[in-house]
C-alpha atoms as a PDB file:
ATOM      1  CA  MET A   1      -0.064   0.061   0.011  1.00  0.00           C
ATOM      2  CA  THR A   2       1.365   3.602  -0.918  1.00  0.00           C
ATOM      3  CA  ARG A   3       1.876   6.165   1.665  1.00  0.00           C
ATOM      4  CA  THR A   4      -0.937   8.135   0.190  1.00  0.00           C
ATOM      5  CA  ALA A   5      -3.359   5.096   0.432  1.00  0.00           C
ATOM      6  CA  ILE A   6      -2.269   4.548   4.131  1.00  0.00           C
ATOM      7  CA  ALA A   7      -2.888   8.150   4.931  1.00  0.00           C
ATOM      8  CA  LEU A   8      -6.400   7.862   3.275  1.00  0.00           C
ATOM      9  CA  ALA A   9      -7.089   4.729   5.171  1.00  0.00           C
ATOM     10  CA  LEU A  10      -5.990   6.175   8.432  1.00  0.00           C
ATOM     11  CA  ALA A  11      -8.237   9.323   7.871  1.00  0.00           C
ATOM     12  CA  ALA A  12     -11.269   7.260   6.922  1.00  0.00           C
ATOM     13  CA  ASN A  13     -10.806   5.139  10.261  1.00  0.00           C
ATOM     14  CA  SER A  14     -10.428   8.187  12.258  1.00  0.00           C
ATOM     15  CA  LEU A  15     -13.730   9.581  10.778  1.00  0.00           C
ATOM     16  CA  MET A  16     -15.521   6.408  11.428  1.00  0.00           C
ATOM     17  CA  VAL A  17     -14.288   6.325  15.018  1.00  0.00           C
ATOM     18  CA  ASN A  18     -15.322   9.864  15.577  1.00  0.00           C
ATOM     19  CA  LEU A  19     -18.771   9.813  13.911  1.00  0.00           C
ATOM     20  CA  PRO A  20     -20.431   8.119  16.808  1.00  0.00           C
ATOM     21  CA  LEU A  21     -18.939  10.761  19.366  1.00  0.00           C
ATOM     22  CA  LEU A  22     -20.208  13.563  17.263  1.00  0.00           C
ATOM     23  CA  ALA A  23     -23.587  11.935  17.030  1.00  0.00           C
ATOM     24  CA  GLN A  24     -23.585  11.749  20.998  1.00  0.00           C
ATOM     25  CA  ALA A  25     -22.715  15.277  21.495  1.00  0.00           C
ATOM     26  CA  PRO A  26     -23.910  16.207  24.957  1.00  0.00           C
ATOM     27  CA  ALA A  27     -27.438  17.793  25.389  1.00  0.00           C
ATOM     28  CA  ALA A  28     -27.701  21.294  26.738  1.00  0.00           C
ATOM     29  CA  TYR A  29     -29.694  22.103  29.907  1.00  0.00           C
ATOM     30  CA  ARG A  30     -31.823  25.200  29.942  1.00  0.00           C
ATOM     31  CA  ILE A  31     -34.365  26.931  32.118  1.00  0.00           C
ATOM     32  CA  THR A  32     -37.761  26.247  30.341  1.00  0.00           C
ATOM     33  CA  HIS A  33     -40.326  27.610  32.819  1.00  0.00           C
ATOM     34  CA  THR A  34     -40.301  30.043  35.675  1.00  0.00           C
ATOM     35  CA  TYR A  35     -43.265  29.718  37.797  1.00  0.00           C
ATOM     36  CA  PRO A  36     -44.380  32.520  40.237  1.00  0.00           C
ATOM     37  CA  VAL A  37     -45.108  30.794  43.488  1.00  0.00           C
ATOM     38  CA  GLY A  38     -44.806  33.856  45.875  1.00  0.00           C
ATOM     39  CA  GLY A  39     -45.046  33.581  49.697  1.00  0.00           C
ATOM     40  CA  ASP A  40     -42.715  34.937  52.333  1.00  0.00           C
ATOM     41  CA  GLY A  41     -39.640  33.475  53.844  1.00  0.00           C
ATOM     42  CA  SER A  42     -36.317  31.802  52.760  1.00  0.00           C
ATOM     43  CA  TRP A  43     -36.213  28.322  51.562  1.00  0.00           C
ATOM     44  CA  ASP A  44     -34.309  25.059  51.920  1.00  0.00           C
ATOM     45  CA  TYR A  45     -34.559  21.517  50.610  1.00  0.00           C
ATOM     46  CA  VAL A  46     -36.498  20.698  47.504  1.00  0.00           C
ATOM     47  CA  VAL A  47     -38.019  17.176  47.433  1.00  0.00           C
ATOM     48  CA  PRO A  48     -40.060  15.879  44.473  1.00  0.00           C
ATOM     49  CA  ASP A  49     -42.901  13.440  44.673  1.00  0.00           C
ATOM     50  CA  PRO A  50     -42.797  11.973  41.076  1.00  0.00           C
ATOM     51  CA  PRO A  51     -45.839   9.915  41.258  1.00  0.00           C
ATOM     52  CA  GLN A  52     -47.981  12.724  42.321  1.00  0.00           C
ATOM     53  CA  HIS A  53     -46.275  15.395  40.001  1.00  0.00           C
ATOM     54  CA  ARG A  54     -45.559  17.711  42.963  1.00  0.00           C
ATOM     55  CA  VAL A  55     -42.537  19.028  44.863  1.00  0.00           C
ATOM     56  CA  PHE A  56     -42.200  19.819  48.712  1.00  0.00           C
ATOM     57  CA  ILE A  57     -40.287  23.071  49.531  1.00  0.00           C
ATOM     58  CA  GLY A  58     -39.293  24.059  52.947  1.00  0.00           C
ATOM     59  CA  ARG A  59     -40.090  27.611  53.711  1.00  0.00           C
ATOM     60  CA  GLN A  60     -39.158  28.632  57.290  1.00  0.00           C
ATOM     61  CA  ASN A  61     -42.490  28.074  59.180  1.00  0.00           C
ATOM     62  CA  ARG A  62     -44.077  25.686  56.698  1.00  0.00           C
ATOM     63  CA  VAL A  63     -43.742  23.468  53.796  1.00  0.00           C
ATOM     64  CA  MET A  64     -45.149  24.236  50.425  1.00  0.00           C
ATOM     65  CA  VAL A  65     -46.444  21.784  48.024  1.00  0.00           C
ATOM     66  CA  VAL A  66     -46.308  22.779  44.417  1.00  0.00           C
ATOM     67  CA  ASP A  67     -47.617  21.262  41.291  1.00  0.00           C
ATOM     68  CA  THR A  68     -44.678  20.421  39.057  1.00  0.00           C
ATOM     69  CA  ASN A  69     -46.734  20.784  35.749  1.00  0.00           C
ATOM     70  CA  ASP A  70     -47.935  24.304  36.318  1.00  0.00           C
ATOM     71  CA  GLY A  71     -46.350  25.657  39.443  1.00  0.00           C
ATOM     72  CA  LYS A  72     -49.487  26.169  41.406  1.00  0.00           C
ATOM     73  CA  LEU A  73     -49.551  25.835  45.178  1.00  0.00           C
ATOM     74  CA  LEU A  74     -51.445  22.760  46.168  1.00  0.00           C
ATOM     75  CA  GLY A  75     -51.193  23.311  49.827  1.00  0.00           C
ATOM     76  CA  GLU A  76     -49.008  23.776  52.921  1.00  0.00           C
ATOM     77  CA  VAL A  77     -47.688  21.723  55.869  1.00  0.00           C
ATOM     78  CA  ALA A  78     -48.112  24.388  58.549  1.00  0.00           C
ATOM     79  CA  GLY A  79     -46.920  24.878  62.128  1.00  0.00           C
ATOM     80  CA  ILE A  80     -43.083  24.317  61.601  1.00  0.00           C
ATOM     81  CA  ASP A  81     -40.463  26.280  63.346  1.00  0.00           C
ATOM     82  CA  GLY A  82     -37.599  26.317  61.065  1.00  0.00           C
ATOM     83  CA  ALA A  83     -38.524  24.190  58.077  1.00  0.00           C
ATOM     84  CA  HIS A  84     -35.827  22.274  56.329  1.00  0.00           C
ATOM     85  CA  GLY A  85     -36.130  18.716  54.784  1.00  0.00           C
ATOM     86  CA  VAL A  86     -39.058  16.521  53.906  1.00  0.00           C
ATOM     87  CA  ALA A  87     -39.086  12.629  53.605  1.00  0.00           C
ATOM     88  CA  LEU A  88     -41.781  10.693  51.927  1.00  0.00           C
ATOM     89  CA  ALA A  89     -42.962   7.391  53.217  1.00  0.00           C
ATOM     90  CA  SER A  90     -45.502   6.883  50.590  1.00  0.00           C
ATOM     91  CA  LYS A  91     -46.597   3.256  51.641  1.00  0.00           C
ATOM     92  CA  ALA A  92     -47.523   4.589  55.167  1.00  0.00           C
ATOM     93  CA  GLY A  93     -49.318   7.647  53.667  1.00  0.00           C
ATOM     94  CA  HIS A  94     -46.983   9.891  55.728  1.00  0.00           C
ATOM     95  CA  GLY A  95     -44.725  12.721  55.195  1.00  0.00           C
ATOM     96  CA  PHE A  96     -41.983  13.908  57.581  1.00  0.00           C
ATOM     97  CA  ALA A  97     -40.914  17.524  57.863  1.00  0.00           C
ATOM     98  CA  THR A  98     -38.009  18.744  60.143  1.00  0.00           C
ATOM     99  CA  SER A  99     -38.660  21.481  62.496  1.00  0.00           C
ATOM    100  CA  GLY A 100     -34.945  22.636  63.156  1.00  0.00           C
ATOM    101  CA  ASN A 101     -35.545  25.365  65.495  1.00  0.00           C
ATOM    102  CA  ASP A 102     -37.289  23.106  68.184  1.00  0.00           C
ATOM    103  CA  GLY A 103     -35.618  19.973  67.219  1.00  0.00           C
ATOM    104  CA  THR A 104     -38.651  18.085  66.177  1.00  0.00           C
ATOM    105  CA  VAL A 105     -40.090  16.387  63.241  1.00  0.00           C
ATOM    106  CA  ARG A 106     -43.681  16.856  62.044  1.00  0.00           C
ATOM    107  CA  MET A 107     -45.665  13.741  60.569  1.00  0.00           C
ATOM    108  CA  PHE A 108     -48.263  14.786  58.064  1.00  0.00           C
ATOM    109  CA  ASP A 109     -50.731  13.181  55.766  1.00  0.00           C
ATOM    110  CA  LEU A 110     -49.564  12.993  52.365  1.00  0.00           C
ATOM    111  CA  LYS A 111     -53.129  13.607  50.922  1.00  0.00           C
ATOM    112  CA  THR A 112     -54.286  16.435  53.178  1.00  0.00           C
ATOM    113  CA  PHE A 113     -50.947  17.876  54.393  1.00  0.00           C
ATOM    114  CA  LYS A 114     -52.446  17.891  57.701  1.00  0.00           C
ATOM    115  CA  VAL A 115     -50.110  17.606  60.569  1.00  0.00           C
ATOM    116  CA  LEU A 116     -50.592  14.236  62.466  1.00  0.00           C
ATOM    117  CA  GLY A 117     -48.180  14.516  65.293  1.00  0.00           C
ATOM    118  CA  SER A 118     -44.756  15.899  66.578  1.00  0.00           C
ATOM    119  CA  ILE A 119     -41.734  13.476  67.108  1.00  0.00           C
ATOM    120  CA  PRO A 120     -38.729  14.503  69.232  1.00  0.00           C
ATOM    121  CA  ALA A 121     -35.481  14.580  67.383  1.00  0.00           C
ATOM    122  CA  ALA A 122     -32.472  16.641  68.348  1.00  0.00           C
ATOM    123  CA  GLU A 123     -30.896  20.185  68.103  1.00  0.00           C
ATOM    124  CA  ASP A 124     -30.908  21.455  64.438  1.00  0.00           C
ATOM    125  CA  ALA A 125     -32.808  18.665  62.812  1.00  0.00           C
ATOM    126  CA  ASP A 126     -32.185  19.447  59.275  1.00  0.00           C
ATOM    127  CA  ALA A 127     -32.161  16.931  56.340  1.00  0.00           C
ATOM    128  CA  VAL A 128     -34.358  13.922  56.393  1.00  0.00           C
ATOM    129  CA  ILE A 129     -34.728  10.876  54.220  1.00  0.00           C
ATOM    130  CA  TYR A 130     -36.669   7.642  53.955  1.00  0.00           C
ATOM    131  CA  ASP A 131     -35.013   4.290  53.717  1.00  0.00           C
ATOM    132  CA  ALA A 132     -37.340   1.684  52.116  1.00  0.00           C
ATOM    133  CA  ALA A 133     -35.026  -1.184  52.873  1.00  0.00           C
ATOM    134  CA  SER A 134     -35.617  -0.867  56.697  1.00  0.00           C
ATOM    135  CA  ASN A 135     -38.788   1.075  56.479  1.00  0.00           C
ATOM    136  CA  ARG A 136     -37.489   3.905  58.570  1.00  0.00           C
ATOM    137  CA  VAL A 137     -36.970   7.690  58.533  1.00  0.00           C
ATOM    138  CA  PHE A 138     -33.585   9.206  59.272  1.00  0.00           C
ATOM    139  CA  THR A 139     -33.004  12.832  60.043  1.00  0.00           C
ATOM    140  CA  PHE A 140     -29.555  14.384  60.220  1.00  0.00           C
ATOM    141  CA  ASN A 141     -29.373  16.603  63.114  1.00  0.00           C
ATOM    142  CA  GLY A 142     -26.489  19.228  62.561  1.00  0.00           C
ATOM    143  CA  ASP A 143     -25.624  20.744  65.854  1.00  0.00           C
ATOM    144  CA  ALA A 144     -26.510  17.336  67.755  1.00  0.00           C
ATOM    145  CA  HIS A 145     -24.182  15.560  65.430  1.00  0.00           C
ATOM    146  CA  SER A 146     -26.630  12.608  65.356  1.00  0.00           C
ATOM    147  CA  SER A 147     -29.311  10.951  63.185  1.00  0.00           C
ATOM    148  CA  THR A 148     -32.892  10.448  64.682  1.00  0.00           C
ATOM    149  CA  VAL A 149     -34.573   7.098  63.592  1.00  0.00           C
ATOM    150  CA  ILE A 150     -38.351   7.175  63.272  1.00  0.00           C
ATOM    151  CA  ASP A 151     -40.984   4.448  62.674  1.00  0.00           C
ATOM    152  CA  PRO A 152     -43.001   5.926  59.729  1.00  0.00           C
ATOM    153  CA  ASP A 153     -46.126   3.846  60.215  1.00  0.00           C
ATOM    154  CA  ALA A 154     -46.566   4.705  64.088  1.00  0.00           C
ATOM    155  CA  GLY A 155     -44.565   7.989  63.799  1.00  0.00           C
ATOM    156  CA  LYS A 156     -42.693   7.075  66.885  1.00  0.00           C
ATOM    157  CA  LEU A 157     -39.131   7.662  67.784  1.00  0.00           C
ATOM    158  CA  VAL A 158     -36.878   4.541  67.556  1.00  0.00           C
ATOM    159  CA  THR A 159     -33.408   5.871  68.617  1.00  0.00           C
ATOM    160  CA  ASN A 160     -30.793   8.498  68.109  1.00  0.00           C
ATOM    161  CA  ILE A 161     -27.304   7.508  66.461  1.00  0.00           C
ATOM    162  CA  PRO A 162     -24.325   9.454  67.245  1.00  0.00           C
ATOM    163  CA  LEU A 163     -22.488  10.310  63.942  1.00  0.00           C
ATOM    164  CA  GLY A 164     -19.313  11.835  65.275  1.00  0.00           C
ATOM    165  CA  GLY A 165     -19.608  15.009  63.207  1.00  0.00           C
ATOM    166  CA  LYS A 166     -21.942  17.556  61.940  1.00  0.00           C
ATOM    167  CA  PRO A 167     -24.420  15.934  59.234  1.00  0.00           C
ATOM    168  CA  GLU A 168     -25.828  17.637  56.213  1.00  0.00           C
ATOM    169  CA  TYR A 169     -27.698  15.831  53.443  1.00  0.00           C
ATOM    170  CA  GLY A 170     -27.687  12.006  53.052  1.00  0.00           C
ATOM    171  CA  ALA A 171     -29.107   9.117  50.655  1.00  0.00           C
ATOM    172  CA  SER A 172     -30.308   5.824  50.915  1.00  0.00           C
ATOM    173  CA  ALA A 173     -28.679   3.037  48.835  1.00  0.00           C
ATOM    174  CA  GLY A 174     -31.738   0.815  49.131  1.00  0.00           C
ATOM    175  CA  ASP A 175     -29.727  -2.061  50.410  1.00  0.00           C
ATOM    176  CA  GLY A 176     -30.036  -1.335  54.053  1.00  0.00           C
ATOM    177  CA  LYS A 177     -27.298   1.249  54.157  1.00  0.00           C
ATOM    178  CA  VAL A 178     -27.814   4.955  54.542  1.00  0.00           C
ATOM    179  CA  TYR A 179     -25.039   7.667  53.852  1.00  0.00           C
ATOM    180  CA  GLY A 180     -24.586  11.062  55.086  1.00  0.00           C
ATOM    181  CA  ASN A 181     -22.104  13.963  54.658  1.00  0.00           C
ATOM    182  CA  LEU A 182     -20.299  15.212  57.740  1.00  0.00           C
ATOM    183  CA  THR A 183     -19.431  18.987  56.876  1.00  0.00           C
ATOM    184  CA  ASP A 184     -17.128  19.614  59.859  1.00  0.00           C
ATOM    185  CA  THR A 185     -14.900  16.628  59.617  1.00  0.00           C
ATOM    186  CA  SER A 186     -15.124  16.411  55.755  1.00  0.00           C
ATOM    187  CA  GLU A 187     -16.316  12.710  55.795  1.00  0.00           C
ATOM    188  CA  VAL A 188     -18.870  10.478  54.519  1.00  0.00           C
ATOM    189  CA  VAL A 189     -20.562   8.257  57.151  1.00  0.00           C
ATOM    190  CA  GLU A 190     -22.347   4.909  56.494  1.00  0.00           C
ATOM    191  CA  ILE A 191     -25.126   4.077  58.713  1.00  0.00           C
ATOM    192  CA  ASP A 192     -26.536   0.315  58.828  1.00  0.00           C
ATOM    193  CA  ALA A 193     -30.180   1.050  58.729  1.00  0.00           C
ATOM    194  CA  LYS A 194     -31.134  -2.130  60.424  1.00  0.00           C
ATOM    195  CA  GLN A 195     -28.577  -2.419  63.122  1.00  0.00           C
ATOM    196  CA  LEU A 196     -28.878   1.430  63.680  1.00  0.00           C
ATOM    197  CA  ASN A 197     -25.186   2.083  64.157  1.00  0.00           C
ATOM    198  CA  VAL A 198     -22.333   3.595  62.217  1.00  0.00           C
ATOM    199  CA  ALA A 199     -20.656   0.957  60.207  1.00  0.00           C
ATOM    200  CA  ARG A 200     -17.778   2.987  58.332  1.00  0.00           C
ATOM    201  CA  ARG A 201     -16.603   6.438  57.460  1.00  0.00           C
ATOM    202  CA  TRP A 202     -14.039   7.739  55.087  1.00  0.00           C
ATOM    203  CA  SER A 203     -12.450  11.070  54.081  1.00  0.00           C
ATOM    204  CA  THR A 204     -13.825  13.238  51.219  1.00  0.00           C
ATOM    205  CA  ALA A 205     -10.448  15.008  50.787  1.00  0.00           C
ATOM    206  CA  PRO A 206      -9.619  16.893  48.765  1.00  0.00           C
ATOM    207  CA  CYS A 207     -13.204  18.106  49.067  1.00  0.00           C
ATOM    208  CA  LYS A 208     -13.889  20.153  52.300  1.00  0.00           C
ATOM    209  CA  GLN A 209     -17.213  20.672  53.847  1.00  0.00           C
ATOM    210  CA  PRO A 210     -19.346  18.248  51.991  1.00  0.00           C
ATOM    211  CA  VAL A 211     -23.089  19.177  52.062  1.00  0.00           C
ATOM    212  CA  ALA A 212     -25.261  18.108  49.269  1.00  0.00           C
ATOM    213  CA  MET A 213     -25.509  14.440  48.300  1.00  0.00           C
ATOM    214  CA  ALA A 214     -26.830  12.237  45.404  1.00  0.00           C
ATOM    215  CA  ILE A 215     -26.408   8.633  44.718  1.00  0.00           C
ATOM    216  CA  ASP A 216     -25.854   6.210  41.781  1.00  0.00           C
ATOM    217  CA  VAL A 217     -26.881   2.821  43.111  1.00  0.00           C
ATOM    218  CA  ALA A 218     -26.039   0.828  39.938  1.00  0.00           C
ATOM    219  CA  HIS A 219     -22.347   1.777  40.047  1.00  0.00           C
ATOM    220  CA  HIS A 220     -22.204   2.219  43.757  1.00  0.00           C
ATOM    221  CA  ARG A 221     -21.251   5.922  43.669  1.00  0.00           C
ATOM    222  CA  LEU A 222     -21.878   8.890  45.962  1.00  0.00           C
ATOM    223  CA  PHE A 223     -21.878  12.438  44.703  1.00  0.00           C
ATOM    224  CA  SER A 224     -20.931  14.968  47.562  1.00  0.00           C
ATOM    225  CA  GLY A 225     -21.321  18.640  46.727  1.00  0.00           C
ATOM    226  CA  CYS A 226     -18.540  20.558  48.847  1.00  0.00           C
ATOM    227  CA  ARG A 227     -18.443  24.165  49.989  1.00  0.00           C
ATOM    228  CA  SER A 228     -14.674  24.188  48.849  1.00  0.00           C
ATOM    229  CA  GLY A 229     -15.962  24.318  45.092  1.00  0.00           C
ATOM    230  CA  VAL A 230     -15.848  20.662  44.032  1.00  0.00           C
ATOM    231  CA  MET A 231     -17.963  17.659  43.740  1.00  0.00           C
ATOM    232  CA  ALA A 232     -16.358  14.521  45.282  1.00  0.00           C
ATOM    233  CA  ILE A 233     -17.609  11.188  43.723  1.00  0.00           C
ATOM    234  CA  SER A 234     -16.929   8.243  46.206  1.00  0.00           C
ATOM    235  CA  ASP A 235     -17.039   4.513  45.609  1.00  0.00           C
ATOM    236  CA  TYR A 236     -19.197   3.659  48.692  1.00  0.00           C
ATOM    237  CA  GLN A 237     -18.261  -0.122  48.433  1.00  0.00           C
ATOM    238  CA  ALA A 238     -14.669   0.527  48.594  1.00  0.00           C
ATOM    239  CA  GLY A 239     -15.106   3.712  50.859  1.00  0.00           C
ATOM    240  CA  LYS A 240     -13.122   6.024  49.088  1.00  0.00           C
ATOM    241  CA  VAL A 241     -13.037   9.235  46.704  1.00  0.00           C
ATOM    242  CA  VAL A 242     -12.418   8.232  43.139  1.00  0.00           C
ATOM    243  CA  ALA A 243     -12.816  11.536  41.465  1.00  0.00           C
ATOM    244  CA  THR A 244     -13.439  15.345  42.063  1.00  0.00           C
ATOM    245  CA  LEU A 245     -14.623  18.019  39.712  1.00  0.00           C
ATOM    246  CA  PRO A 246     -14.963  21.838  40.027  1.00  0.00           C
ATOM    247  CA  ILE A 247     -18.552  23.150  40.767  1.00  0.00           C
ATOM    248  CA  GLY A 248     -19.730  26.583  41.804  1.00  0.00           C
ATOM    249  CA  THR A 249     -19.474  28.396  45.275  1.00  0.00           C
ATOM    250  CA  GLY A 250     -22.117  27.965  48.013  1.00  0.00           C
ATOM    251  CA  VAL A 251     -23.330  24.399  46.815  1.00  0.00           C
ATOM    252  CA  ASP A 252     -26.497  23.155  48.695  1.00  0.00           C
ATOM    253  CA  GLY A 253     -28.163  20.776  46.308  1.00  0.00           C
ATOM    254  CA  ALA A 254     -27.135  17.710  44.165  1.00  0.00           C
ATOM    255  CA  GLY A 255     -28.828  15.240  41.972  1.00  0.00           C
ATOM    256  CA  TYR A 256     -27.939  12.064  39.652  1.00  0.00           C
ATOM    257  CA  ASP A 257     -30.046  10.950  36.831  1.00  0.00           C
ATOM    258  CA  PRO A 258     -29.149   7.256  35.982  1.00  0.00           C
ATOM    259  CA  ALA A 259     -30.973   7.651  32.601  1.00  0.00           C
ATOM    260  CA  THR A 260     -28.676  10.223  31.355  1.00  0.00           C
ATOM    261  CA  GLY A 261     -25.546   9.578  33.394  1.00  0.00           C
ATOM    262  CA  ASP A 262     -25.598  13.322  34.466  1.00  0.00           C
ATOM    263  CA  ALA A 263     -24.841  14.629  37.888  1.00  0.00           C
ATOM    264  CA  PHE A 264     -25.763  18.160  39.136  1.00  0.00           C
ATOM    265  CA  ALA A 265     -24.616  20.494  41.725  1.00  0.00           C
ATOM    266  CA  SER A 266     -26.638  23.748  42.436  1.00  0.00           C
ATOM    267  CA  SER A 267     -24.853  26.638  44.033  1.00  0.00           C
ATOM    268  CA  ALA A 268     -25.480  30.054  45.684  1.00  0.00           C
ATOM    269  CA  ASP A 269     -23.640  31.807  42.960  1.00  0.00           C
ATOM    270  CA  GLY A 270     -26.306  31.140  40.516  1.00  0.00           C
ATOM    271  CA  THR A 271     -24.946  28.200  38.742  1.00  0.00           C
ATOM    272  CA  LEU A 272     -26.093  24.673  37.964  1.00  0.00           C
ATOM    273  CA  THR A 273     -23.006  22.415  37.100  1.00  0.00           C
ATOM    274  CA  VAL A 274     -23.793  19.504  34.908  1.00  0.00           C
ATOM    275  CA  ILE A 275     -21.308  16.591  35.171  1.00  0.00           C
ATOM    276  CA  HIS A 276     -21.427  13.488  33.010  1.00  0.00           C
ATOM    277  CA  GLN A 277     -20.529  10.142  33.886  1.00  0.00           C
ATOM    278  CA  ASP A 278     -18.135   8.632  31.324  1.00  0.00           C
ATOM    279  CA  GLY A 279     -17.603   5.479  33.605  1.00  0.00           C
ATOM    280  CA  PRO A 280     -17.832   4.711  37.232  1.00  0.00           C
ATOM    281  CA  ASP A 281     -14.609   6.511  37.896  1.00  0.00           C
ATOM    282  CA  ALA A 282     -14.445   8.782  35.024  1.00  0.00           C
ATOM    283  CA  TYR A 283     -16.297  12.336  34.733  1.00  0.00           C
ATOM    284  CA  HIS A 284     -16.245  15.598  33.061  1.00  0.00           C
ATOM    285  CA  VAL A 285     -18.094  18.860  33.415  1.00  0.00           C
ATOM    286  CA  VAL A 286     -20.513  19.329  30.590  1.00  0.00           C
ATOM    287  CA  GLU A 287     -21.618  22.777  31.069  1.00  0.00           C
ATOM    288  CA  THR A 288     -22.527  25.391  33.664  1.00  0.00           C
ATOM    289  CA  VAL A 289     -26.171  26.723  33.508  1.00  0.00           C
ATOM    290  CA  GLN A 290     -26.752  30.220  34.704  1.00  0.00           C
ATOM    291  CA  THR A 291     -29.742  30.166  37.130  1.00  0.00           C
ATOM    292  CA  ALA A 292     -30.256  32.831  39.670  1.00  0.00           C
ATOM    293  CA  GLN A 293     -28.295  34.189  42.718  1.00  0.00           C
ATOM    294  CA  ALA A 294     -29.077  32.325  45.915  1.00  0.00           C
ATOM    295  CA  SER A 295     -30.482  29.267  43.724  1.00  0.00           C
ATOM    296  CA  ARG A 296     -28.493  26.817  45.742  1.00  0.00           C
ATOM    297  CA  ASN A 297     -31.161  24.155  46.201  1.00  0.00           C
ATOM    298  CA  MET A 298     -32.474  21.575  43.778  1.00  0.00           C
ATOM    299  CA  GLY A 299     -34.785  18.611  43.258  1.00  0.00           C
ATOM    300  CA  LEU A 300     -34.557  16.007  40.496  1.00  0.00           C
ATOM    301  CA  ASP A 301     -37.481  14.255  39.102  1.00  0.00           C
ATOM    302  CA  PRO A 302     -35.778  11.008  37.559  1.00  0.00           C
ATOM    303  CA  THR A 303     -39.009  10.156  35.745  1.00  0.00           C
ATOM    304  CA  THR A 304     -39.348  13.445  33.676  1.00  0.00           C
ATOM    305  CA  HIS A 305     -35.578  14.405  33.992  1.00  0.00           C
ATOM    306  CA  ARG A 306     -36.773  17.876  35.125  1.00  0.00           C
ATOM    307  CA  ILE A 307     -34.819  19.867  37.783  1.00  0.00           C
ATOM    308  CA  PHE A 308     -36.543  22.258  40.154  1.00  0.00           C
ATOM    309  CA  LEU A 309     -34.780  25.293  41.563  1.00  0.00           C
ATOM    310  CA  PRO A 310     -36.312  27.776  43.799  1.00  0.00           C
ATOM    311  CA  GLY A 311     -35.244  31.405  43.414  1.00  0.00           C
ATOM    312  CA  ALA A 312     -36.247  35.020  44.297  1.00  0.00           C
ATOM    313  CA  LYS A 313     -35.315  38.684  43.794  1.00  0.00           C
ATOM    314  CA  PHE A 314     -33.373  40.465  46.509  1.00  0.00           C
ATOM    315  CA  GLY A 315     -33.155  44.092  47.482  1.00  0.00           C
ATOM    316  CA  PRO A 316     -29.926  46.017  48.534  1.00  0.00           C
ATOM    317  CA  PRO A 317     -28.223  44.514  51.804  1.00  0.00           C
ATOM    318  CA  PRO A 318     -28.658  46.547  54.984  1.00  0.00           C
ATOM    319  CA  ALA A 319     -25.690  48.190  56.519  1.00  0.00           C
ATOM    320  CA  ALA A 320     -23.590  45.595  58.228  1.00  0.00           C
ATOM    321  CA  THR A 321     -23.060  45.917  62.083  1.00  0.00           C
ATOM    322  CA  GLY A 322     -20.424  44.193  63.958  1.00  0.00           C
ATOM    323  CA  GLY A 323     -18.426  43.290  60.889  1.00  0.00           C
ATOM    324  CA  GLY A 324     -20.565  40.225  60.045  1.00  0.00           C
ATOM    325  CA  ARG A 325     -22.094  39.397  56.458  1.00  0.00           C
ATOM    326  CA  VAL A 326     -25.557  40.676  56.275  1.00  0.00           C
ATOM    327  CA  ARG A 327     -27.810  38.925  53.671  1.00  0.00           C
ATOM    328  CA  PRO A 328     -29.985  41.141  51.429  1.00  0.00           C
ATOM    329  CA  PRO A 329     -33.903  40.975  51.976  1.00  0.00           C
ATOM    330  CA  MET A 330     -35.942  39.013  49.579  1.00  0.00           C
ATOM    331  CA  ILE A 331     -38.525  41.159  47.759  1.00  0.00           C
ATOM    332  CA  PRO A 332     -41.905  40.184  48.832  1.00  0.00           C
ATOM    333  CA  GLY A 333     -43.828  37.999  46.397  1.00  0.00           C
ATOM    334  CA  SER A 334     -40.819  37.408  44.317  1.00  0.00           C
ATOM    335  CA  PHE A 335     -40.284  33.644  45.142  1.00  0.00           C
ATOM    336  CA  VAL A 336     -40.392  31.458  41.971  1.00  0.00           C
ATOM    337  CA  MET A 337     -39.739  27.851  41.010  1.00  0.00           C
ATOM    338  CA  MET A 338     -37.388  27.486  38.038  1.00  0.00           C
ATOM    339  CA  VAL A 339     -37.680  24.204  35.606  1.00  0.00           C
ATOM    340  CA  VAL A 340     -34.477  23.136  34.086  1.00  0.00           C
ATOM    341  CA  GLU A 341     -34.832  20.687  31.215  1.00  0.00           C
ATOM    342  CA  ARG A 342     -32.373  18.634  28.916  1.00  0.00           C
ATOM    343  CA  GLN A 343     -32.575  19.935  25.422  1.00  0.00           C
ATOM    344  CA  PRO A 344     -32.120  17.730  22.428  1.00  0.00           C
ATOM    345  CA  ALA A 345     -28.565  17.906  20.843  1.00  0.00           C
ATOM    346  CA  ALA A 346     -27.914  19.882  17.843  1.00  0.00           C
ATOM    347  CA  ARG A 347     -27.609  17.942  14.831  1.00  0.00           C
END
């Protein structure tokens, strides 16, 4: 074969190899809807309920329930002192909302949103999740450095598990293990949901202050959004970090969509970082979507692949006193829910 023929053959082979890659160009994510929800107060965790097409959003003294199809308010879980997270135990027909200022959890009816009872937890009851494998609810109590375990059927306290650090958000692996970020020690803690003790822990270094968490159960990977500006991906079977990638500042939300292999980190600087999973230990940042300042929380619906982010408009910050940072006031009635969706790749 002549040199010219060899060169042409190599070029053809290169083109054939690269054609599938071009066809699989990453899709872009964009804000497709912005629903004016309104209402006073700051916000925290965003918890979708895909079967019912609704989302639960903690709003200081209540939890708002919003229709994901049109952004309309469906109802509220009232009487909460420091609303943070929500866990949905659908089989029992009960929801659980943390009331952080008084260290309790409100159990409510998932149909009427009526509060059915108050369960003692611990100081700074913050995030809360439901673990189907053990049929138990787990809170993450920041200042108390513990997790409160609740029976979702009876709405009764089971026990408190010391965690050895300040927990933020967590995730259930669906196999009897629950994971949580410890922000002050920069660790992931593994809880045995049936034995009700801490089974393992490992460092998230070089990530510092892990807060948000998402999980990929198929590949046994955890995604920890860290206040140090990275997302740390852990192999939770091996108990070690396998990759870190840059994200925005002030992260407080994370998600993973198994259908697309995309992970997400929402941050207070008004960015949503999209990270694609090339393999269990290989990842790259696809894009950074501009959202809105302070939109650091998110909820992902894995059935529609839609991402929900709260946002609002803010006025000028008041004059600082004592040298501390002062947050600007939210403009009344400006609270919205943004919807981010994956757009078809350009051909």
